[in-house]
Amino acid sequence: MKPTDKTLVRKLALVLLVKLAVLFLLWWGFVRVQHVQTDGDSVAAQFLHSPQIPAQGVSR
């Protein structure tokens, strides 16, 4: 490995660590405290509900 390759690997590793740190801090600040309460009935109703699709080819 050339010295420039080692420098590139080191820089890429640093960038990835910084990105992971930023993602963790964003999660910690905004997402961690959010809680969604669900029950089985509401989830089943959401999955079993079929959306109405408008008819195709209807002329005005």
C-alpha atoms as a PDB file:
ATOM      1  CA  MET A   1       0.000   0.000   0.000  1.00  0.00           C
ATOM      2  CA  LYS A   2       1.316   3.401  -0.906  1.00  0.00           C
ATOM      3  CA  PRO A   3       1.441   6.167   1.724  1.00  0.00           C
ATOM      4  CA  THR A   4      -1.207   8.109  -0.199  1.00  0.00           C
ATOM      5  CA  ASP A   5      -3.517   5.063  -0.004  1.00  0.00           C
ATOM      6  CA  LYS A   6      -3.097   4.923   3.763  1.00  0.00           C
ATOM      7  CA  THR A   7      -3.900   8.614   4.017  1.00  0.00           C
ATOM      8  CA  LEU A   8      -7.039   8.135   1.927  1.00  0.00           C
ATOM      9  CA  VAL A   9      -8.180   5.219   4.091  1.00  0.00           C
ATOM     10  CA  ARG A  10      -7.556   7.277   7.233  1.00  0.00           C
ATOM     11  CA  LYS A  11      -9.518  10.249   5.845  1.00  0.00           C
ATOM     12  CA  LEU A  12     -12.428   8.035   4.759  1.00  0.00           C
ATOM     13  CA  ALA A  13     -12.536   6.379   8.179  1.00  0.00           C
ATOM     14  CA  LEU A  14     -12.583   9.797   9.847  1.00  0.00           C
ATOM     15  CA  VAL A  15     -15.421  10.998   7.611  1.00  0.00           C
ATOM     16  CA  LEU A  16     -17.453   7.863   8.371  1.00  0.00           C
ATOM     17  CA  LEU A  17     -16.923   8.279  12.110  1.00  0.00           C
ATOM     18  CA  VAL A  18     -18.002  11.917  11.942  1.00  0.00           C
ATOM     19  CA  LYS A  19     -21.132  10.968   9.971  1.00  0.00           C
ATOM     20  CA  LEU A  20     -22.004   8.252  12.473  1.00  0.00           C
ATOM     21  CA  ALA A  21     -21.510  10.699  15.341  1.00  0.00           C
ATOM     22  CA  VAL A  22     -23.778  13.271  13.669  1.00  0.00           C
ATOM     23  CA  LEU A  23     -26.465  10.662  13.002  1.00  0.00           C
ATOM     24  CA  PHE A  24     -26.289   9.487  16.602  1.00  0.00           C
ATOM     25  CA  LEU A  25     -26.553  13.041  17.930  1.00  0.00           C
ATOM     26  CA  LEU A  26     -29.554  13.752  15.677  1.00  0.00           C
ATOM     27  CA  TRP A  27     -31.230  10.559  16.864  1.00  0.00           C
ATOM     28  CA  TRP A  28     -30.426  11.370  20.481  1.00  0.00           C
ATOM     29  CA  GLY A  29     -31.837  14.881  20.177  1.00  0.00           C
ATOM     30  CA  PHE A  30     -34.982  14.276  18.148  1.00  0.00           C
ATOM     31  CA  VAL A  31     -35.998  10.629  17.902  1.00  0.00           C
ATOM     32  CA  ARG A  32     -35.068   9.051  21.238  1.00  0.00           C
ATOM     33  CA  VAL A  33     -37.907  10.671  23.195  1.00  0.00           C
ATOM     34  CA  GLN A  34     -40.616   9.906  20.627  1.00  0.00           C
ATOM     35  CA  HIS A  35     -42.884   6.989  21.503  1.00  0.00           C
ATOM     36  CA  VAL A  36     -45.689   5.582  19.392  1.00  0.00           C
ATOM     37  CA  GLN A  37     -48.358   3.635  21.221  1.00  0.00           C
ATOM     38  CA  THR A  38     -50.251   1.088  19.181  1.00  0.00           C
ATOM     39  CA  ASP A  39     -52.607  -1.746  19.877  1.00  0.00           C
ATOM     40  CA  GLY A  40     -53.371  -4.834  17.844  1.00  0.00           C
ATOM     41  CA  ASP A  41     -56.824  -3.678  16.758  1.00  0.00           C
ATOM     42  CA  SER A  42     -55.632  -0.397  15.243  1.00  0.00           C
ATOM     43  CA  VAL A  43     -52.766  -2.121  13.417  1.00  0.00           C
ATOM     44  CA  ALA A  44     -55.112  -4.790  12.031  1.00  0.00           C
ATOM     45  CA  ALA A  45     -57.606  -2.140  10.905  1.00  0.00           C
ATOM     46  CA  GLN A  46     -54.818  -0.245   9.139  1.00  0.00           C
ATOM     47  CA  PHE A  47     -53.641  -3.354   7.275  1.00  0.00           C
ATOM     48  CA  LEU A  48     -57.109  -4.633   6.414  1.00  0.00           C
ATOM     49  CA  HIS A  49     -58.368  -1.286   5.121  1.00  0.00           C
ATOM     50  CA  SER A  50     -58.316  -1.327   1.333  1.00  0.00           C
ATOM     51  CA  PRO A  51     -58.041   2.124  -0.239  1.00  0.00           C
ATOM     52  CA  GLN A  52     -60.580   2.953  -2.880  1.00  0.00           C
ATOM     53  CA  ILE A  53     -58.955   3.281  -6.280  1.00  0.00           C
ATOM     54  CA  PRO A  54     -60.667   5.674  -8.695  1.00  0.00           C
ATOM     55  CA  ALA A  55     -61.968   4.159 -11.918  1.00  0.00           C
ATOM     56  CA  GLN A  56     -59.607   4.371 -14.870  1.00  0.00           C
ATOM     57  CA  GLY A  57     -60.659   5.680 -18.243  1.00  0.00           C
ATOM     58  CA  VAL A  58     -63.608   7.763 -17.061  1.00  0.00           C
ATOM     59  CA  SER A  59     -64.100  10.703 -19.439  1.00  0.00           C
ATOM     60  CA  ARG A  60     -65.480  14.004 -18.293  1.00  0.00           C
END
